[in-house]
Amino acid sequence: MKPIQILFFTSPDCSICDNQDRILQQLTDTGMINYHNHLITTAFDLALRYGVKSAPTLVYLLDERPVKVSPGFQSNQAIMTTLNLIQNG
């Protein structure tokens, strides 16, 4: 199964975002996801397209279409649950 794409919206000096990044990196290392960091302050148009208003926020993409937007810190378990729902949905 191909990895799920995640857009990770972050902001400067966000310690929670740093923690979120570590979790996403661990999942990337397993091959389950690919993710891309976007600073909410510089990727304003992209954030607007997906309705992102705060950081951290994860946007899950399936075939380049958004299937879920998760604002706030997401634990490893919450991300795994979302991935399972997307893959089995």
Protein backbone atom coordinates (compact mmCIF):
# COMPACT_ATOMS: atom_id res chain seq x y z
CA MET A 1 0.00 0.00 0.00
CA LYS A 2 1.39 3.39 -0.92
CA PRO A 3 2.10 5.92 1.83
CA ILE A 4 -0.52 8.52 2.73
CA GLN A 5 0.53 12.10 2.03
CA ILE A 6 0.29 14.60 4.90
CA LEU A 7 0.72 18.34 4.77
CA PHE A 8 2.03 19.51 8.14
CA PHE A 9 1.34 23.16 8.88
CA THR A 10 3.65 24.56 11.51
CA SER A 11 4.68 27.94 12.85
CA PRO A 12 7.97 29.41 14.05
CA ASP A 13 8.85 28.89 17.72
CA CYS A 14 6.12 26.27 18.19
CA SER A 15 7.38 23.63 20.62
CA ILE A 16 4.24 21.53 20.11
CA CYS A 17 4.99 21.61 16.38
CA ASP A 18 8.47 20.24 17.12
CA ASN A 19 6.88 17.32 18.99
CA GLN A 20 4.45 16.75 16.11
CA ASP A 21 7.34 16.74 13.66
CA ARG A 22 9.11 13.98 15.63
CA ILE A 23 6.02 11.77 15.49
CA LEU A 24 5.60 12.35 11.77
CA GLN A 25 9.25 11.54 11.17
CA GLN A 26 8.88 8.24 13.03
CA LEU A 27 5.90 7.32 10.85
CA THR A 28 7.79 8.33 7.72
CA ASP A 29 10.62 6.01 8.73
CA THR A 30 8.12 3.11 8.75
CA GLY A 31 6.98 3.93 5.21
CA MET A 32 3.39 4.60 6.26
CA ILE A 33 3.34 8.29 5.36
CA ASN A 34 5.13 11.00 3.47
CA TYR A 35 4.80 14.46 4.89
CA HIS A 36 5.76 17.97 3.94
CA ASN A 37 6.26 20.88 6.34
CA HIS A 38 4.65 24.21 5.52
CA LEU A 39 5.05 27.33 7.61
CA ILE A 40 1.58 28.72 8.10
CA THR A 41 3.04 32.24 7.92
CA THR A 42 4.61 31.76 4.47
CA ALA A 43 2.31 29.17 2.88
CA PHE A 44 -0.75 31.31 3.47
CA ASP A 45 -2.45 30.47 0.16
CA LEU A 46 -2.01 26.74 0.73
CA ALA A 47 -3.30 27.03 4.30
CA LEU A 48 -6.30 29.00 3.06
CA ARG A 49 -7.06 26.35 0.42
CA TYR A 50 -7.38 23.68 3.13
CA GLY A 51 -9.00 25.87 5.79
CA VAL A 52 -5.97 25.76 8.08
CA LYS A 53 -6.15 28.48 10.74
CA SER A 54 -3.68 27.32 13.38
CA ALA A 55 -0.55 25.28 13.89
CA PRO A 56 0.01 22.47 14.22
CA THR A 57 -2.49 21.15 11.69
CA LEU A 58 -2.29 18.00 9.59
CA VAL A 59 -4.01 17.70 6.21
CA TYR A 60 -4.29 14.11 5.00
CA LEU A 61 -4.32 13.67 1.22
CA LEU A 62 -5.48 10.64 -0.73
CA ASP A 63 -4.73 10.81 -4.45
CA GLU A 64 -3.87 14.48 -3.91
CA ARG A 65 -7.35 15.24 -2.51
CA PRO A 66 -7.86 16.29 1.12
CA VAL A 67 -9.71 13.64 3.11
CA LYS A 68 -9.21 14.95 6.63
CA VAL A 69 -7.96 18.09 8.35
CA SER A 70 -6.79 17.62 11.94
CA PRO A 71 -6.02 20.84 13.84
CA GLY A 72 -3.96 20.71 17.02
CA PHE A 73 -1.38 18.21 18.21
CA GLN A 74 -2.09 14.65 17.06
CA SER A 75 -0.68 11.74 19.03
CA ASN A 76 0.85 8.76 17.30
CA GLN A 77 -2.30 6.78 18.12
CA ALA A 78 -4.61 9.48 16.72
CA ILE A 79 -2.62 9.57 13.48
CA MET A 80 -2.65 5.76 13.23
CA THR A 81 -6.43 5.73 13.74
CA THR A 82 -6.88 8.31 10.98
CA LEU A 83 -4.57 6.39 8.64
CA ASN A 84 -6.54 3.19 9.23
CA LEU A 85 -9.83 4.97 8.54
CA ILE A 86 -8.47 6.45 5.31
CA GLN A 87 -6.99 3.17 4.09
CA ASN A 88 -10.03 1.10 4.98
CA GLY A 89 -12.65 3.71 4.19
